[in-house]
Amino acid sequence: MKVKLLLAAILQGGSAAWSALWTFPSILFSAFMIAWGAEAAQFMISQGLALAILAWLQTLPEFAVEAVIAWEAGSDPLQCFVATPPPGCHSHLAIANYTGAIRLLIGLGWPMIYFVAAFYRRKKAGRALGAIQLEDEHSVEVLATVPPVLYFFWVWYKGSLGLVDAAVLIAMYVVYLAILWRFPPQEQENLSDAPAPARWAYTRPGAWRYAAILGFFAIGGLLLYFTAHPFLESMLALSLSMGISQFVFVQWVAPFLSEFPEKVSAFAWARRVTHAPMGLMNMLSSNVNQWTVLAAMIPIVFSCARGEPSALPFDGEQRMEILLTIMQSVVAVLLLANMRFEWWNATLLFVLWLVQFLRATWREEITIVYAAWAVGLLLWFVVRPPEAPKVFFRMMRQQRKKDATPTTGERGGP
C-alpha cells in the first residue's frame, strides 16, 4: 500500500503543512488547560484518579488513530488473515501503531522526564538529581500495570486479540479505577505548590470551584478534540514529505504525534522537579490506559468492521513486536517496583529504545536483553523484596480503617 493511501486511511481529507502554525500552539494550550484541571482536581479526588482522567483526555488522538487503523484492518477486502498475508494487507498496522505507542512512552517519554527534571534540578539547586522518588499512592499505578502486561503473555502465546480478551482488559481497568477512587485527595497544604491557574480554580467559592475545574477539563478536552485532527494532518504531511517509510511512520511518527499532549504536560511537571513524580505517573497512567482500554478497543472496532465477532490474528512479525513490547514493560514495572526511578534506569531504557528505533531488525536481540534484565531484577528482589507491594497493601489497610471510622463532611474538603 502506498504512503498516500495509508495517510488517507488514517486521516480523511487533506491539510496543508502550514496549518501547524496554529494547531501546534493550540495543542500546547489544550495540554496546559487539562494539566491545570488535573492539578486542581487532585485536591478533591485522589491524584491517581485525576491523572487517569487526564490520561483519557490526552490519549484521545491516539484512540482515534488506532480506531481508524483497526477499522481499516477489519474492512480490508484482501485475504489478510492467513499465516502469510499477501502484499497490500494493512491489518498489521494496528499492532505496529499500538506497540510503537507503548514503547515510545517508556523508552523515550520516561527517560525524558528524568533528564528534564535533572537539568532543572542542576540549574535551580546546583546539584544532581539522584532519583525521582515516587509517593506512596503511586504504588497503585505501578501495580496496576502488572495484570494487563502479564495477561498479554497469553495474548502473545495464542496469537490473537479477541472480544474475550477485550472484556478481561476492560475489567482490569475498572478495578484500577475503583481502587483509585478509594484513596483520599492531596492535602490542601500542598496547594501552594500548584500553578496559579490551578490554585485559582480550587479556591473558587462553592459550586464555582467545580465549574472552574470542570471548565479546564472541558475547554482543554474540546480544544484537543477539534485540534487533534488538523494537527496530526499537518505534522504527518511534514513527515511524509521527508520520505519517512510506511512502517516507521505508523509505528513511531503517528504515536509520537498522538501522544504529544501528554508529553507536554509531563515535561511541564518535570521542570518543577518536585512534581517530576506526577509527570512520570502521568505517563504510567497512560501506559495502563494503553495496555487495557486501548488494547480492548482494537478487537471491538475490528469486529464491528467485519460485521461479526472476530479476533485480530497475529503473524510471526506481529508476535515478535508484541513480545518485545511486553518485555520492555516488564522491565519498566520492575524498575519502579522500588518506588524510585534512577538515572541509570532512564539511560538504559533510552539506549535500548534508540537501538531498536535505529536497527529495527535487532528486535530479537533487544528482546533477549530486556528478558535478561528482567530476570536480574527478579533475582535481586528475592534478596531485597520491592517496596511497591508493601506500600500498596499498607495503604489499603489504612484506608479500610478510615472507611470503618465514621466521618463527617463531604469528600474533597470544604
Protein backbone atom coordinates (compact mmCIF):
# COMPACT_ATOMS: atom_id res chain seq x y z
CA MET A 1 0.00 0.00 0.00
CA LYS A 2 1.31 3.40 -0.94
CA VAL A 3 2.08 6.01 1.68
CA LYS A 4 -0.60 8.33 0.27
CA LEU A 5 -3.22 5.61 0.63
CA LEU A 6 -2.08 4.99 4.21
CA LEU A 7 -2.46 8.65 5.04
CA ALA A 8 -5.93 8.70 3.52
CA ALA A 9 -6.89 5.66 5.58
CA ILE A 10 -5.70 7.17 8.85
CA LEU A 11 -6.88 10.71 8.37
CA GLN A 12 -9.63 11.52 5.90
CA GLY A 13 -9.15 14.65 3.87
CA GLY A 14 -6.12 16.75 3.15
CA SER A 15 -4.46 19.54 5.04
CA ALA A 16 -1.54 21.78 4.25
CA ALA A 17 1.52 21.55 6.43
CA TRP A 18 1.31 25.26 7.20
CA SER A 19 -1.69 24.63 9.47
CA ALA A 20 0.92 23.60 12.07
CA LEU A 21 1.35 27.32 12.68
CA TRP A 22 -1.98 27.39 14.54
CA THR A 23 -2.53 23.75 15.53
CA PHE A 24 0.78 23.42 17.38
CA PRO A 25 0.14 26.30 19.84
CA SER A 26 -3.47 25.12 20.21
CA ILE A 27 -2.29 21.64 21.23
CA LEU A 28 0.12 23.19 23.72
CA PHE A 29 -2.60 25.35 25.24
CA SER A 30 -5.04 22.43 25.49
CA ALA A 31 -2.40 20.30 27.22
CA PHE A 32 -1.78 23.01 29.83
CA MET A 33 -5.53 23.53 30.38
CA ILE A 34 -6.07 19.84 31.06
CA ALA A 35 -2.99 19.66 33.29
CA TRP A 36 -4.19 22.63 35.34
CA GLY A 37 -7.54 20.91 35.77
CA ALA A 38 -5.82 17.74 36.97
CA GLU A 39 -3.65 19.65 39.45
CA ALA A 40 -6.72 21.33 40.94
CA ALA A 41 -8.76 18.10 40.90
CA GLN A 42 -6.13 16.19 42.92
CA PHE A 43 -7.24 18.20 45.98
CA MET A 44 -10.80 16.87 45.56
CA ILE A 45 -10.18 13.31 44.40
CA SER A 46 -7.08 11.13 44.57
CA GLN A 47 -4.16 12.24 42.45
CA GLY A 48 -4.22 8.89 40.66
CA LEU A 49 -7.86 9.31 39.66
CA ALA A 50 -7.16 12.85 38.46
CA LEU A 51 -4.26 11.52 36.37
CA ALA A 52 -6.49 8.75 35.00
CA ILE A 53 -8.96 11.40 33.78
CA LEU A 54 -6.04 13.38 32.38
CA ALA A 55 -4.73 10.30 30.56
CA TRP A 56 -8.14 9.70 28.98
CA LEU A 57 -8.29 13.19 27.56
CA GLN A 58 -4.67 13.20 26.45
CA THR A 59 -4.88 9.89 24.62
CA LEU A 60 -7.98 10.83 22.57
CA PRO A 61 -5.85 11.42 19.43
CA GLU A 62 -4.15 8.05 19.91
CA PHE A 63 -7.51 6.31 20.33
CA ALA A 64 -8.75 7.98 17.15
CA VAL A 65 -5.73 6.92 15.09
CA GLU A 66 -5.83 3.34 16.42
CA ALA A 67 -9.59 3.07 15.86
CA VAL A 68 -9.28 4.09 12.21
CA ILE A 69 -6.43 1.62 11.64
CA ALA A 70 -8.40 -1.20 13.34
CA TRP A 71 -11.47 -0.37 11.23
CA GLU A 72 -9.41 -0.43 8.04
CA ALA A 73 -7.97 -3.80 9.11
CA GLY A 74 -11.43 -5.24 9.70
CA SER A 75 -12.84 -3.99 6.40
CA ASP A 76 -9.77 -5.00 4.36
CA PRO A 77 -11.03 -6.81 1.25
CA LEU A 78 -7.78 -8.77 0.88
CA GLN A 79 -7.30 -12.19 2.44
CA CYS A 80 -5.07 -10.95 5.24
CA PHE A 81 -5.94 -13.47 7.92
CA VAL A 82 -3.70 -16.34 6.96
CA ALA A 83 -0.28 -17.43 8.11
CA THR A 84 1.43 -15.44 5.32
CA PRO A 85 -0.67 -12.39 4.35
CA PRO A 86 -0.35 -11.28 0.72
CA PRO A 87 1.27 -7.93 -0.17
CA GLY A 88 -1.01 -4.94 0.31
CA CYS A 89 -2.58 -6.04 3.59
CA HIS A 90 -2.55 -3.45 6.34
CA SER A 91 -4.06 -5.40 9.24
CA HIS A 92 -0.58 -5.50 10.77
CA LEU A 93 -0.58 -1.71 11.10
CA ALA A 94 -2.92 -1.87 14.12
CA ILE A 95 -0.29 -3.76 16.10
CA ALA A 96 2.57 -1.64 14.72
CA ASN A 97 0.88 1.55 15.95
CA TYR A 98 -0.16 0.06 19.29
CA THR A 99 3.20 -1.46 20.22
CA GLY A 100 5.07 1.58 18.94
CA ALA A 101 2.99 3.88 21.16
CA ILE A 102 3.75 1.88 24.29
CA ARG A 103 7.46 1.54 23.58
CA LEU A 104 7.72 5.23 22.74
CA LEU A 105 6.24 6.30 26.08
CA ILE A 106 8.53 4.04 28.10
CA GLY A 107 11.68 4.25 26.01
CA LEU A 108 11.58 7.95 25.21
CA GLY A 109 8.95 9.56 27.48
CA TRP A 110 10.10 8.15 30.83
CA PRO A 111 13.80 8.96 30.31
CA MET A 112 12.94 12.47 29.13
CA ILE A 113 11.03 13.07 32.37
CA TYR A 114 14.15 12.20 34.35
CA PHE A 115 16.53 14.19 32.13
CA VAL A 116 14.33 17.30 32.18
CA ALA A 117 13.98 17.11 35.98
CA ALA A 118 17.72 16.53 36.39
CA PHE A 119 18.55 19.51 34.16
CA TYR A 120 16.32 21.89 36.12
CA ARG A 121 17.48 20.48 39.46
CA ARG A 122 21.06 21.27 38.47
CA LYS A 123 20.03 24.69 37.15
CA LYS A 124 18.00 25.72 40.20
CA ALA A 125 19.73 23.97 43.10
CA GLY A 126 23.21 23.43 41.69
CA ARG A 127 23.24 19.71 42.47
CA ALA A 128 22.48 16.47 40.69
CA LEU A 129 19.18 14.62 40.85
CA GLY A 130 19.85 11.16 42.23
CA ALA A 131 16.43 9.65 41.60
CA ILE A 132 12.78 10.54 41.12
CA GLN A 133 11.21 9.33 44.36
CA LEU A 134 7.60 8.22 43.95
CA GLU A 135 4.91 8.93 46.53
CA ASP A 136 3.12 6.11 48.34
CA GLU A 137 -0.09 6.46 46.32
CA HIS A 138 1.86 5.95 43.11
CA SER A 139 2.18 2.28 44.05
CA VAL A 140 -1.35 1.88 42.64
CA GLU A 141 -0.26 2.83 39.12
CA VAL A 142 2.89 0.70 39.38
CA LEU A 143 0.99 -2.43 40.41
CA ALA A 144 -1.96 -1.75 38.08
CA THR A 145 0.38 -2.20 35.11
CA VAL A 146 1.24 -5.77 36.16
CA PRO A 147 -2.03 -7.68 35.42
CA PRO A 148 -2.55 -6.48 31.82
CA VAL A 149 1.13 -6.92 30.93
CA LEU A 150 1.09 -10.48 32.30
CA TYR A 151 -2.19 -11.16 30.51
CA PHE A 152 -0.58 -10.13 27.25
CA PHE A 153 1.78 -13.09 27.53
CA TRP A 154 -1.36 -15.19 26.96
CA VAL A 155 -2.41 -12.95 24.04
CA TRP A 156 1.06 -13.35 22.54
CA TYR A 157 1.03 -17.13 23.10
CA LYS A 158 -2.33 -17.73 21.38
CA GLY A 159 -1.56 -15.29 18.59
CA SER A 160 -4.76 -13.25 18.53
CA LEU A 161 -6.65 -10.46 20.29
CA GLY A 162 -10.39 -11.08 20.60
CA LEU A 163 -13.52 -9.86 22.33
CA VAL A 164 -12.98 -12.08 25.38
CA ASP A 165 -9.55 -10.50 25.80
CA ALA A 166 -11.19 -7.08 25.48
CA ALA A 167 -13.64 -7.90 28.29
CA VAL A 168 -10.82 -9.08 30.57
CA LEU A 169 -8.71 -5.99 29.92
CA ILE A 170 -11.63 -3.62 30.48
CA ALA A 171 -12.43 -5.38 33.76
CA MET A 172 -8.83 -4.83 34.88
CA TYR A 173 -9.15 -1.13 34.12
CA VAL A 174 -12.43 -0.85 36.05
CA VAL A 175 -10.77 -2.45 39.10
CA TYR A 176 -7.90 0.03 38.75
CA LEU A 177 -10.31 2.98 38.78
CA ALA A 178 -12.22 1.53 41.74
CA ILE A 179 -9.01 1.30 43.77
CA LEU A 180 -8.04 4.86 42.86
CA TRP A 181 -11.46 6.11 43.96
CA ARG A 182 -10.91 4.76 47.47
CA PHE A 183 -7.85 6.89 48.17
CA PRO A 184 -8.11 10.41 49.57
CA PRO A 185 -7.21 13.64 47.74
CA GLN A 186 -3.97 15.52 48.25
CA GLU A 187 -3.52 17.56 51.42
CA GLN A 188 -4.59 21.18 50.94
CA GLU A 189 -1.28 22.30 52.45
CA ASN A 190 0.29 21.32 49.12
CA LEU A 191 -1.93 23.76 47.23
CA SER A 192 0.81 26.40 47.28
CA ASP A 193 2.93 24.16 45.03
CA ALA A 194 0.29 24.17 42.30
CA PRO A 195 0.48 26.67 39.41
CA ALA A 196 -1.57 29.86 39.67
CA PRO A 197 -4.43 28.73 37.35
CA ALA A 198 -4.93 25.52 39.37
CA ARG A 199 -4.89 27.46 42.65
CA TRP A 200 -7.38 29.95 41.23
CA ALA A 201 -9.78 27.16 40.17
CA TYR A 202 -9.62 25.34 43.51
CA THR A 203 -10.12 28.48 45.61
CA ARG A 204 -13.36 29.49 43.86
CA PRO A 205 -16.26 29.59 46.36
CA GLY A 206 -18.91 26.88 46.48
CA ALA A 207 -20.07 25.40 43.21
CA TRP A 208 -17.81 27.75 41.24
CA ARG A 209 -14.87 25.54 42.24
CA TYR A 210 -16.39 22.54 40.45
CA ALA A 211 -17.34 24.71 37.48
CA ALA A 212 -13.82 26.12 37.18
CA ILE A 213 -12.10 22.73 37.37
CA LEU A 214 -14.57 21.09 35.00
CA GLY A 215 -14.15 24.11 32.75
CA PHE A 216 -10.41 23.49 32.50
CA PHE A 217 -11.04 19.85 31.56
CA ALA A 218 -13.88 20.72 29.17
CA ILE A 219 -12.13 23.58 27.35
CA GLY A 220 -8.86 21.67 27.12
CA GLY A 221 -10.60 18.49 26.01
CA LEU A 222 -12.75 20.21 23.38
CA LEU A 223 -9.80 22.17 22.05
CA LEU A 224 -7.79 18.95 21.87
CA TYR A 225 -10.67 17.15 20.13
CA PHE A 226 -11.09 19.77 17.41
CA THR A 227 -7.37 20.47 17.02
CA ALA A 228 -6.01 16.91 17.07
CA HIS A 229 -7.15 16.05 13.54
CA PRO A 230 -5.64 19.06 11.71
CA PHE A 231 -2.57 18.90 13.97
CA LEU A 232 -1.93 15.28 13.03
CA GLU A 233 -2.59 16.04 9.37
CA SER A 234 -0.14 18.94 9.30
CA MET A 235 2.58 17.07 11.18
CA LEU A 236 2.14 13.92 9.12
CA ALA A 237 2.24 15.95 5.91
CA LEU A 238 5.62 17.28 7.01
CA SER A 239 6.80 13.78 7.95
CA LEU A 240 5.68 12.19 4.70
CA SER A 241 7.28 14.98 2.67
CA MET A 242 10.58 13.92 4.27
CA GLY A 243 10.23 10.43 2.77
CA ILE A 244 9.63 8.51 6.02
CA SER A 245 8.77 4.85 5.38
CA GLN A 246 5.30 3.41 5.96
CA PHE A 247 6.33 1.21 8.89
CA VAL A 248 8.35 3.91 10.67
CA PHE A 249 5.51 6.34 10.03
CA VAL A 250 2.86 4.09 11.63
CA GLN A 251 4.99 2.71 14.46
CA TRP A 252 6.85 5.83 15.57
CA VAL A 253 5.71 9.07 13.91
CA ALA A 254 1.94 8.69 14.37
CA PRO A 255 2.24 7.57 18.06
CA PHE A 256 4.67 10.40 18.81
CA LEU A 257 2.24 12.96 17.43
CA SER A 258 -0.84 11.42 19.03
CA GLU A 259 0.94 11.27 22.42
CA PHE A 260 2.24 14.81 22.14
CA PRO A 261 -0.28 16.37 24.60
CA GLU A 262 0.68 14.06 27.46
CA LYS A 263 4.38 14.68 26.83
CA VAL A 264 3.79 18.44 27.11
CA SER A 265 2.03 18.07 30.48
CA ALA A 266 4.55 15.60 31.86
CA PHE A 267 7.55 17.70 30.84
CA ALA A 268 5.95 20.80 32.36
CA TRP A 269 5.74 18.96 35.69
CA ALA A 270 9.29 17.63 35.32
CA ARG A 271 10.58 21.21 35.00
CA ARG A 272 9.31 21.87 38.53
CA VAL A 273 11.45 18.95 39.79
CA THR A 274 9.28 18.37 42.87
CA HIS A 275 6.43 17.42 40.51
CA ALA A 276 8.55 15.04 38.43
CA PRO A 277 6.86 12.03 40.13
CA MET A 278 3.49 13.36 38.96
CA GLY A 279 4.86 13.72 35.43
CA LEU A 280 6.14 10.15 35.48
CA MET A 281 2.80 8.90 36.81
CA ASN A 282 1.03 10.84 34.05
CA MET A 283 2.85 8.65 31.55
CA LEU A 284 2.44 5.47 33.59
CA SER A 285 -1.31 6.13 33.80
CA SER A 286 -1.29 6.41 30.00
CA ASN A 287 0.54 3.07 29.85
CA VAL A 288 -2.22 1.48 31.95
CA ASN A 289 -4.72 3.01 29.51
CA GLN A 290 -2.85 1.55 26.54
CA TRP A 291 -2.48 -1.95 27.96
CA THR A 292 -6.16 -2.15 28.90
CA VAL A 293 -8.75 0.09 27.22
CA LEU A 294 -6.81 0.93 24.07
CA ALA A 295 -5.93 -2.74 23.51
CA ALA A 296 -9.55 -3.72 24.18
CA MET A 297 -10.79 -1.22 21.59
CA ILE A 298 -8.85 -2.90 18.78
CA PRO A 299 -10.85 -6.19 18.59
CA ILE A 300 -14.11 -4.32 19.27
CA VAL A 301 -13.63 -1.96 16.31
CA PHE A 302 -12.19 -4.80 14.24
CA SER A 303 -15.29 -6.94 14.88
CA CYS A 304 -17.64 -4.06 14.05
CA ALA A 305 -15.84 -3.53 10.74
CA ARG A 306 -16.14 -7.23 9.85
CA GLY A 307 -19.78 -7.38 10.93
CA GLU A 308 -19.26 -10.35 13.26
CA PRO A 309 -17.34 -11.24 16.43
CA SER A 310 -13.75 -11.65 15.29
CA ALA A 311 -10.29 -11.89 16.79
CA LEU A 312 -7.43 -9.96 15.23
CA PRO A 313 -4.80 -12.59 14.34
CA PHE A 314 -1.04 -12.06 14.55
CA ASP A 315 1.64 -13.39 12.27
CA GLY A 316 5.22 -14.08 13.33
CA GLU A 317 6.36 -10.47 12.85
CA GLN A 318 3.48 -9.09 14.90
CA ARG A 319 4.05 -11.59 17.70
CA MET A 320 7.68 -10.50 17.83
CA GLU A 321 6.60 -6.87 18.14
CA ILE A 322 4.20 -7.77 20.96
CA LEU A 323 6.79 -9.84 22.84
CA LEU A 324 9.35 -7.03 22.59
CA THR A 325 6.78 -4.56 23.93
CA ILE A 326 5.81 -6.90 26.77
CA MET A 327 9.41 -7.41 27.86
CA GLN A 328 10.12 -3.68 27.80
CA SER A 329 7.06 -3.06 30.01
CA VAL A 330 8.06 -5.87 32.39
CA VAL A 331 11.45 -4.21 32.88
CA ALA A 332 9.82 -0.79 33.30
CA VAL A 333 7.46 -2.01 36.03
CA LEU A 334 10.26 -3.83 37.85
CA LEU A 335 12.36 -0.66 37.79
CA LEU A 336 9.57 1.27 39.51
CA ALA A 337 8.86 -1.53 41.98
CA ASN A 338 11.19 0.14 44.50
CA MET A 339 9.28 3.44 44.10
CA ARG A 340 12.34 5.12 42.57
CA PHE A 341 13.42 6.00 39.05
CA GLU A 342 17.16 6.49 38.86
CA TRP A 343 19.49 7.94 36.25
CA TRP A 344 20.79 4.59 35.08
CA ASN A 345 17.21 3.32 34.67
CA ALA A 346 16.42 6.27 32.41
CA THR A 347 19.68 5.94 30.47
CA LEU A 348 19.37 2.22 29.74
CA LEU A 349 15.70 2.47 28.77
CA PHE A 350 16.53 5.26 26.35
CA VAL A 351 19.56 3.49 24.86
CA LEU A 352 17.62 0.27 24.24
CA TRP A 353 14.75 2.21 22.68
CA LEU A 354 17.15 4.15 20.46
CA VAL A 355 18.84 0.93 19.29
CA GLN A 356 15.53 -0.66 18.30
CA PHE A 357 14.50 2.57 16.59
CA LEU A 358 17.70 2.75 14.54
CA ARG A 359 18.01 -1.00 13.98
CA ALA A 360 14.51 -2.47 13.61
CA THR A 361 15.98 -5.84 12.61
CA TRP A 362 17.52 -6.24 16.07
CA ARG A 363 14.15 -6.88 17.74
CA GLU A 364 15.02 -10.41 18.85
CA GLU A 365 18.33 -9.34 20.34
CA ILE A 366 16.76 -6.38 22.18
CA THR A 367 14.01 -8.68 23.50
CA ILE A 368 16.65 -11.01 24.91
CA VAL A 369 18.40 -8.08 26.59
CA TYR A 370 15.12 -6.97 28.19
CA ALA A 371 14.43 -10.53 29.33
CA ALA A 372 17.89 -10.88 30.90
CA TRP A 373 17.46 -7.51 32.62
CA ALA A 374 14.06 -8.59 33.97
CA VAL A 375 15.48 -11.88 35.30
CA GLY A 376 18.30 -9.99 37.01
CA LEU A 377 15.83 -7.63 38.69
CA LEU A 378 13.64 -10.54 39.83
CA LEU A 379 16.64 -12.32 41.34
CA TRP A 380 17.58 -9.11 43.15
CA PHE A 381 14.05 -8.86 44.54
CA VAL A 382 14.47 -12.32 46.06
CA VAL A 383 17.24 -10.79 48.17
CA ARG A 384 15.53 -7.43 48.72
CA PRO A 385 11.76 -7.53 48.20
CA PRO A 386 10.40 -4.50 46.27
CA GLU A 387 8.74 -1.61 48.07
CA ALA A 388 5.65 -1.05 45.90
CA PRO A 389 3.61 -4.09 47.07
CA LYS A 390 4.38 -3.35 50.72
CA VAL A 391 3.43 0.30 50.34
CA PHE A 392 0.25 -0.55 48.44
CA PHE A 393 -1.07 -3.09 50.95
CA ARG A 394 -0.18 -0.81 53.86
CA MET A 395 -2.19 1.96 52.22
CA MET A 396 -5.11 -0.40 51.62
CA ARG A 397 -5.13 -1.44 55.30
CA GLN A 398 -5.02 2.18 56.41
CA GLN A 399 -7.82 3.10 54.05
CA ARG A 400 -10.01 0.22 55.29
CA LYS A 401 -9.56 1.51 58.83
CA LYS A 402 -10.54 5.01 57.73
CA ASP A 403 -13.57 3.66 55.89
CA ALA A 404 -14.65 1.81 59.03
CA THR A 405 -14.38 5.00 61.10
CA PRO A 406 -17.45 7.29 60.90
CA THR A 407 -16.55 10.69 59.49
CA THR A 408 -18.38 13.89 58.70
CA GLY A 409 -18.04 16.30 55.80
CA GLU A 410 -18.02 15.67 52.12
CA ARG A 411 -15.28 14.17 50.02
CA GLY A 412 -12.65 16.61 48.81
CA GLY A 413 -12.70 19.10 51.67
CA PRO A 414 -14.87 22.15 52.34
